[in-house]
Amino acid sequence: MRNDAALAFLRSRRSVAAAQLQPPGPTRDQVRDIVATAIRVPDHGKLTPWRVVAFTGDAGARYGEALAALHARIDPGVPEKKLAKDRERFAHSPVVLAVIARIDEQHPKIPAQEQLLSAGCLGFNLLLAAQAAGFAAQWLTGWSCYDRAAAALLGLAENERAIAYIHIGNRGDEPPERNRPDVDAILGAWHG
């Protein structure tokens, strides 16, 4: 059955810059509902190759401070401007949800790529669920998604890595629409 309201919602989806997100963010119950909605993603083998870590209250600011301190230890010559960005990155948004991919590289049937893609689907579904719940959101990554010492700050196991930080809050100004790819330029057909 066609759902025009859902199609209109998907066609109007756009991110709001994390630095522009404002309080109040979702409550604990709303965060739980957003996550419960978002976990309905493709998951070959029902592995649940992901989990979510929430930063609420001052947790984002404290995590940013910890990342800045780590960055300064890893790269003593890092410019102060980059350290300030580390500190502020998680302090703007009322809620940040870290999407953690849990990949079993040795799984006998489910390739690691499929597990990672499932985690990516969770990240996008978190964006959609947050926006459907009336909030604005943005998906960000950054160096900490690729650093094992930063993973340790999150308490991640060896087979886990952060793949997305979903920033959620209320929108300030309506974000401008951006140019989207021409469908005819990206949609092809296989002819054998």
C-alpha atoms as a PDB file:
ATOM      1  CA  MET A   1       0.000   0.000   0.000  1.00  0.00           C
ATOM      2  CA  ARG A   2       1.417   3.365  -1.030  1.00  0.00           C
ATOM      3  CA  ASN A   3       2.179   5.723   1.853  1.00  0.00           C
ATOM      4  CA  ASP A   4       2.344   9.259   0.451  1.00  0.00           C
ATOM      5  CA  ALA A   5       3.010  10.818   3.867  1.00  0.00           C
ATOM      6  CA  ALA A   6       6.052   8.581   4.385  1.00  0.00           C
ATOM      7  CA  LEU A   7       7.326   9.311   0.875  1.00  0.00           C
ATOM      8  CA  ALA A   8       6.913  13.061   1.419  1.00  0.00           C
ATOM      9  CA  PHE A   9       8.799  12.777   4.720  1.00  0.00           C
ATOM     10  CA  LEU A  10      11.687  10.910   3.066  1.00  0.00           C
ATOM     11  CA  ARG A  11      11.814  13.410   0.200  1.00  0.00           C
ATOM     12  CA  SER A  12      12.050  16.326   2.635  1.00  0.00           C
ATOM     13  CA  ARG A  13      14.675  14.791   4.953  1.00  0.00           C
ATOM     14  CA  ARG A  14      17.769  16.873   5.497  1.00  0.00           C
ATOM     15  CA  SER A  15      20.343  17.289   8.199  1.00  0.00           C
ATOM     16  CA  VAL A  16      20.674  20.247  10.528  1.00  0.00           C
ATOM     17  CA  ALA A  17      24.253  21.122  11.466  1.00  0.00           C
ATOM     18  CA  ALA A  18      25.091  19.834  14.936  1.00  0.00           C
ATOM     19  CA  ALA A  19      26.359  23.278  15.960  1.00  0.00           C
ATOM     20  CA  GLN A  20      22.865  24.661  15.268  1.00  0.00           C
ATOM     21  CA  LEU A  21      20.956  22.078  17.298  1.00  0.00           C
ATOM     22  CA  GLN A  22      19.293  23.514  20.353  1.00  0.00           C
ATOM     23  CA  PRO A  23      17.761  22.194  23.563  1.00  0.00           C
ATOM     24  CA  PRO A  24      15.601  20.614  24.521  1.00  0.00           C
ATOM     25  CA  GLY A  25      16.633  17.314  23.059  1.00  0.00           C
ATOM     26  CA  PRO A  26      14.698  14.107  23.342  1.00  0.00           C
ATOM     27  CA  THR A  27      13.930  12.811  26.820  1.00  0.00           C
ATOM     28  CA  ARG A  28      15.224   9.433  27.978  1.00  0.00           C
ATOM     29  CA  ASP A  29      11.939   7.816  26.912  1.00  0.00           C
ATOM     30  CA  GLN A  30      12.058   9.566  23.528  1.00  0.00           C
ATOM     31  CA  VAL A  31      15.654   8.407  22.991  1.00  0.00           C
ATOM     32  CA  ARG A  32      14.569   4.868  23.828  1.00  0.00           C
ATOM     33  CA  ASP A  33      11.691   5.153  21.344  1.00  0.00           C
ATOM     34  CA  ILE A  34      13.993   6.546  18.636  1.00  0.00           C
ATOM     35  CA  VAL A  35      16.400   3.636  19.125  1.00  0.00           C
ATOM     36  CA  ALA A  36      13.560   1.072  19.264  1.00  0.00           C
ATOM     37  CA  THR A  37      12.275   2.426  15.960  1.00  0.00           C
ATOM     38  CA  ALA A  38      15.709   2.575  14.335  1.00  0.00           C
ATOM     39  CA  ILE A  39      16.764  -1.010  15.044  1.00  0.00           C
ATOM     40  CA  ARG A  40      14.399  -2.297  12.355  1.00  0.00           C
ATOM     41  CA  VAL A  41      17.234  -2.623   9.838  1.00  0.00           C
ATOM     42  CA  PRO A  42      18.470  -5.408   7.568  1.00  0.00           C
ATOM     43  CA  ASP A  43      20.453  -7.822   9.734  1.00  0.00           C
ATOM     44  CA  HIS A  44      21.507 -10.963   7.868  1.00  0.00           C
ATOM     45  CA  GLY A  45      21.740 -13.807  10.356  1.00  0.00           C
ATOM     46  CA  LYS A  46      20.118 -11.757  13.139  1.00  0.00           C
ATOM     47  CA  LEU A  47      23.569 -10.974  14.532  1.00  0.00           C
ATOM     48  CA  THR A  48      22.736  -7.505  15.884  1.00  0.00           C
ATOM     49  CA  PRO A  49      26.188  -6.324  14.775  1.00  0.00           C
ATOM     50  CA  TRP A  50      25.745  -2.938  16.430  1.00  0.00           C
ATOM     51  CA  ARG A  51      24.833  -1.125  19.609  1.00  0.00           C
ATOM     52  CA  VAL A  52      24.251   2.478  20.642  1.00  0.00           C
ATOM     53  CA  VAL A  53      25.957   4.629  23.286  1.00  0.00           C
ATOM     54  CA  ALA A  54      24.025   7.749  24.343  1.00  0.00           C
ATOM     55  CA  PHE A  55      25.591  11.033  25.456  1.00  0.00           C
ATOM     56  CA  THR A  56      23.096  13.147  27.377  1.00  0.00           C
ATOM     57  CA  GLY A  57      23.394  16.017  29.851  1.00  0.00           C
ATOM     58  CA  ASP A  58      27.029  17.061  30.167  1.00  0.00           C
ATOM     59  CA  ALA A  59      28.345  13.687  28.914  1.00  0.00           C
ATOM     60  CA  GLY A  60      28.969  15.075  25.411  1.00  0.00           C
ATOM     61  CA  ALA A  61      31.055  17.949  26.762  1.00  0.00           C
ATOM     62  CA  ARG A  62      33.026  15.580  29.011  1.00  0.00           C
ATOM     63  CA  TYR A  63      33.631  13.194  26.094  1.00  0.00           C
ATOM     64  CA  GLY A  64      34.829  16.118  23.969  1.00  0.00           C
ATOM     65  CA  GLU A  65      37.282  17.134  26.703  1.00  0.00           C
ATOM     66  CA  ALA A  66      38.557  13.543  26.901  1.00  0.00           C
ATOM     67  CA  LEU A  67      38.982  13.426  23.103  1.00  0.00           C
ATOM     68  CA  ALA A  68      40.882  16.723  23.112  1.00  0.00           C
ATOM     69  CA  ALA A  69      43.217  15.455  25.834  1.00  0.00           C
ATOM     70  CA  LEU A  70      43.757  12.221  23.900  1.00  0.00           C
ATOM     71  CA  HIS A  71      44.384  14.127  20.657  1.00  0.00           C
ATOM     72  CA  ALA A  72      46.996  16.292  22.390  1.00  0.00           C
ATOM     73  CA  ARG A  73      48.770  13.158  23.708  1.00  0.00           C
ATOM     74  CA  ILE A  74      48.697  11.426  20.300  1.00  0.00           C
ATOM     75  CA  ASP A  75      49.848  14.532  18.412  1.00  0.00           C
ATOM     76  CA  PRO A  76      51.631  17.001  20.705  1.00  0.00           C
ATOM     77  CA  GLY A  77      51.859  19.491  17.818  1.00  0.00           C
ATOM     78  CA  VAL A  78      48.130  19.526  17.073  1.00  0.00           C
ATOM     79  CA  PRO A  79      46.882  23.096  16.646  1.00  0.00           C
ATOM     80  CA  GLU A  80      44.731  24.496  19.443  1.00  0.00           C
ATOM     81  CA  LYS A  81      41.982  25.138  16.872  1.00  0.00           C
ATOM     82  CA  LYS A  82      41.643  21.371  16.298  1.00  0.00           C
ATOM     83  CA  LEU A  83      41.594  20.698  20.035  1.00  0.00           C
ATOM     84  CA  ALA A  84      38.849  23.295  20.450  1.00  0.00           C
ATOM     85  CA  LYS A  85      36.883  21.533  17.722  1.00  0.00           C
ATOM     86  CA  ASP A  86      37.320  18.229  19.604  1.00  0.00           C
ATOM     87  CA  ARG A  87      36.026  19.862  22.799  1.00  0.00           C
ATOM     88  CA  GLU A  88      33.039  21.500  21.132  1.00  0.00           C
ATOM     89  CA  ARG A  89      32.017  18.715  18.737  1.00  0.00           C
ATOM     90  CA  PHE A  90      29.862  16.899  21.286  1.00  0.00           C
ATOM     91  CA  ALA A  91      28.896  19.859  23.471  1.00  0.00           C
ATOM     92  CA  HIS A  92      26.448  21.540  21.058  1.00  0.00           C
ATOM     93  CA  SER A  93      23.881  18.790  20.713  1.00  0.00           C
ATOM     94  CA  PRO A  94      21.460  17.971  23.510  1.00  0.00           C
ATOM     95  CA  VAL A  95      21.803  14.246  22.668  1.00  0.00           C
ATOM     96  CA  VAL A  96      24.444  12.348  20.726  1.00  0.00           C
ATOM     97  CA  LEU A  97      24.020   8.675  19.873  1.00  0.00           C
ATOM     98  CA  ALA A  98      27.222   6.841  18.986  1.00  0.00           C
ATOM     99  CA  VAL A  99      26.576   3.932  16.629  1.00  0.00           C
ATOM    100  CA  ILE A 100      28.955   1.124  17.486  1.00  0.00           C
ATOM    101  CA  ALA A 101      29.574  -1.582  14.877  1.00  0.00           C
ATOM    102  CA  ARG A 102      30.319  -5.010  16.389  1.00  0.00           C
ATOM    103  CA  ILE A 103      31.913  -6.978  13.590  1.00  0.00           C
ATOM    104  CA  ASP A 104      32.612 -10.709  13.708  1.00  0.00           C
ATOM    105  CA  GLU A 105      35.339 -10.936  11.059  1.00  0.00           C
ATOM    106  CA  GLN A 106      35.410 -14.738  11.352  1.00  0.00           C
ATOM    107  CA  HIS A 107      31.683 -15.388  11.052  1.00  0.00           C
ATOM    108  CA  PRO A 108      31.253 -18.538   8.929  1.00  0.00           C
ATOM    109  CA  LYS A 109      28.272 -17.235   6.942  1.00  0.00           C
ATOM    110  CA  ILE A 110      27.828 -13.466   7.270  1.00  0.00           C
ATOM    111  CA  PRO A 111      30.564 -11.348   5.643  1.00  0.00           C
ATOM    112  CA  ALA A 112      31.982  -8.492   7.707  1.00  0.00           C
ATOM    113  CA  GLN A 113      30.819  -6.031   5.048  1.00  0.00           C
ATOM    114  CA  GLU A 114      27.186  -7.058   5.547  1.00  0.00           C
ATOM    115  CA  GLN A 115      27.545  -6.562   9.300  1.00  0.00           C
ATOM    116  CA  LEU A 116      29.059  -3.115   8.779  1.00  0.00           C
ATOM    117  CA  LEU A 117      26.318  -2.165   6.327  1.00  0.00           C
ATOM    118  CA  SER A 118      23.705  -3.193   8.880  1.00  0.00           C
ATOM    119  CA  ALA A 119      25.324  -0.841  11.399  1.00  0.00           C
ATOM    120  CA  GLY A 120      25.299   1.906   8.761  1.00  0.00           C
ATOM    121  CA  CYS A 121      21.607   1.303   8.204  1.00  0.00           C
ATOM    122  CA  LEU A 122      21.087   1.738  11.944  1.00  0.00           C
ATOM    123  CA  GLY A 123      22.849   5.112  11.776  1.00  0.00           C
ATOM    124  CA  PHE A 124      20.592   6.313   8.989  1.00  0.00           C
ATOM    125  CA  ASN A 125      17.491   4.935  10.665  1.00  0.00           C
ATOM    126  CA  LEU A 126      18.433   6.858  13.824  1.00  0.00           C
ATOM    127  CA  LEU A 127      18.471  10.042  11.728  1.00  0.00           C
ATOM    128  CA  LEU A 128      15.075   9.199  10.255  1.00  0.00           C
ATOM    129  CA  ALA A 129      13.522   8.175  13.578  1.00  0.00           C
ATOM    130  CA  ALA A 130      14.797  11.310  15.330  1.00  0.00           C
ATOM    131  CA  GLN A 131      13.411  13.501  12.586  1.00  0.00           C
ATOM    132  CA  ALA A 132      10.113  11.604  12.485  1.00  0.00           C
ATOM    133  CA  ALA A 133       9.865  12.193  16.254  1.00  0.00           C
ATOM    134  CA  GLY A 134      10.033  15.943  15.620  1.00  0.00           C
ATOM    135  CA  PHE A 135      13.733  16.571  16.216  1.00  0.00           C
ATOM    136  CA  ALA A 136      16.543  17.680  13.949  1.00  0.00           C
ATOM    137  CA  ALA A 137      19.635  15.528  13.533  1.00  0.00           C
ATOM    138  CA  GLN A 138      22.991  15.193  11.828  1.00  0.00           C
ATOM    139  CA  TRP A 139      25.344  12.245  11.258  1.00  0.00           C
ATOM    140  CA  LEU A 140      29.004  13.082  11.930  1.00  0.00           C
ATOM    141  CA  THR A 141      32.160  11.018  12.206  1.00  0.00           C
ATOM    142  CA  GLY A 142      35.652  12.467  12.681  1.00  0.00           C
ATOM    143  CA  TRP A 143      39.046  11.101  13.595  1.00  0.00           C
ATOM    144  CA  SER A 144      37.788   9.423  16.770  1.00  0.00           C
ATOM    145  CA  CYS A 145      35.825   6.899  14.686  1.00  0.00           C
ATOM    146  CA  TYR A 146      39.107   5.570  13.301  1.00  0.00           C
ATOM    147  CA  ASP A 147      41.332   5.631  16.376  1.00  0.00           C
ATOM    148  CA  ARG A 148      41.729   2.666  18.761  1.00  0.00           C
ATOM    149  CA  ALA A 149      42.672   4.898  21.709  1.00  0.00           C
ATOM    150  CA  ALA A 150      39.443   6.861  21.157  1.00  0.00           C
ATOM    151  CA  ALA A 151      37.583   3.547  20.997  1.00  0.00           C
ATOM    152  CA  ALA A 152      39.029   2.761  24.427  1.00  0.00           C
ATOM    153  CA  LEU A 153      37.487   6.000  25.762  1.00  0.00           C
ATOM    154  CA  LEU A 154      34.109   4.515  24.789  1.00  0.00           C
ATOM    155  CA  GLY A 155      34.998   1.166  26.348  1.00  0.00           C
ATOM    156  CA  LEU A 156      34.799  -0.611  23.000  1.00  0.00           C
ATOM    157  CA  ALA A 157      35.891  -4.208  22.552  1.00  0.00           C
ATOM    158  CA  GLU A 158      38.533  -5.099  19.958  1.00  0.00           C
ATOM    159  CA  ASN A 159      35.838  -6.045  17.421  1.00  0.00           C
ATOM    160  CA  GLU A 160      33.907  -2.793  17.935  1.00  0.00           C
ATOM    161  CA  ARG A 161      34.289   0.637  16.403  1.00  0.00           C
ATOM    162  CA  ALA A 162      32.279   3.835  16.357  1.00  0.00           C
ATOM    163  CA  ILE A 163      30.953   4.438  12.856  1.00  0.00           C
ATOM    164  CA  ALA A 164      28.655   7.400  13.443  1.00  0.00           C
ATOM    165  CA  TYR A 165      27.719  10.042  15.948  1.00  0.00           C
ATOM    166  CA  ILE A 166      24.074  11.011  15.492  1.00  0.00           C
ATOM    167  CA  HIS A 167      23.542  14.496  16.940  1.00  0.00           C
ATOM    168  CA  ILE A 168      19.933  15.216  17.939  1.00  0.00           C
ATOM    169  CA  GLY A 169      18.174  18.343  19.166  1.00  0.00           C
ATOM    170  CA  ASN A 170      15.676  20.959  18.158  1.00  0.00           C
ATOM    171  CA  ARG A 171      16.209  22.896  14.983  1.00  0.00           C
ATOM    172  CA  GLY A 172      16.829  26.592  14.992  1.00  0.00           C
ATOM    173  CA  ASP A 173      16.377  28.027  11.537  1.00  0.00           C
ATOM    174  CA  GLU A 174      15.128  25.772   8.769  1.00  0.00           C
ATOM    175  CA  PRO A 175      18.209  24.456   6.951  1.00  0.00           C
ATOM    176  CA  PRO A 176      18.468  25.371   3.289  1.00  0.00           C
ATOM    177  CA  GLU A 177      17.777  22.697   0.738  1.00  0.00           C
ATOM    178  CA  ARG A 178      20.889  21.528  -1.042  1.00  0.00           C
ATOM    179  CA  ASN A 179      21.298  20.351  -4.588  1.00  0.00           C
ATOM    180  CA  ARG A 180      20.654  16.628  -4.966  1.00  0.00           C
ATOM    181  CA  PRO A 181      22.037  14.344  -7.661  1.00  0.00           C
ATOM    182  CA  ASP A 182      20.112  14.087 -10.911  1.00  0.00           C
ATOM    183  CA  VAL A 183      18.275  10.758 -10.693  1.00  0.00           C
ATOM    184  CA  ASP A 184      18.841  10.063 -14.380  1.00  0.00           C
ATOM    185  CA  ALA A 185      22.582  10.555 -13.896  1.00  0.00           C
ATOM    186  CA  ILE A 186      22.804   7.928 -11.146  1.00  0.00           C
ATOM    187  CA  LEU A 187      20.078   5.440 -12.158  1.00  0.00           C
ATOM    188  CA  GLY A 188      21.183   2.966 -14.785  1.00  0.00           C
ATOM    189  CA  ALA A 189      19.950  -0.340 -16.090  1.00  0.00           C
ATOM    190  CA  TRP A 190      21.817  -3.542 -16.759  1.00  0.00           C
ATOM    191  CA  HIS A 191      21.394  -4.741 -20.330  1.00  0.00           C
ATOM    192  CA  GLY A 192      23.307  -7.990 -20.202  1.00  0.00           C
END
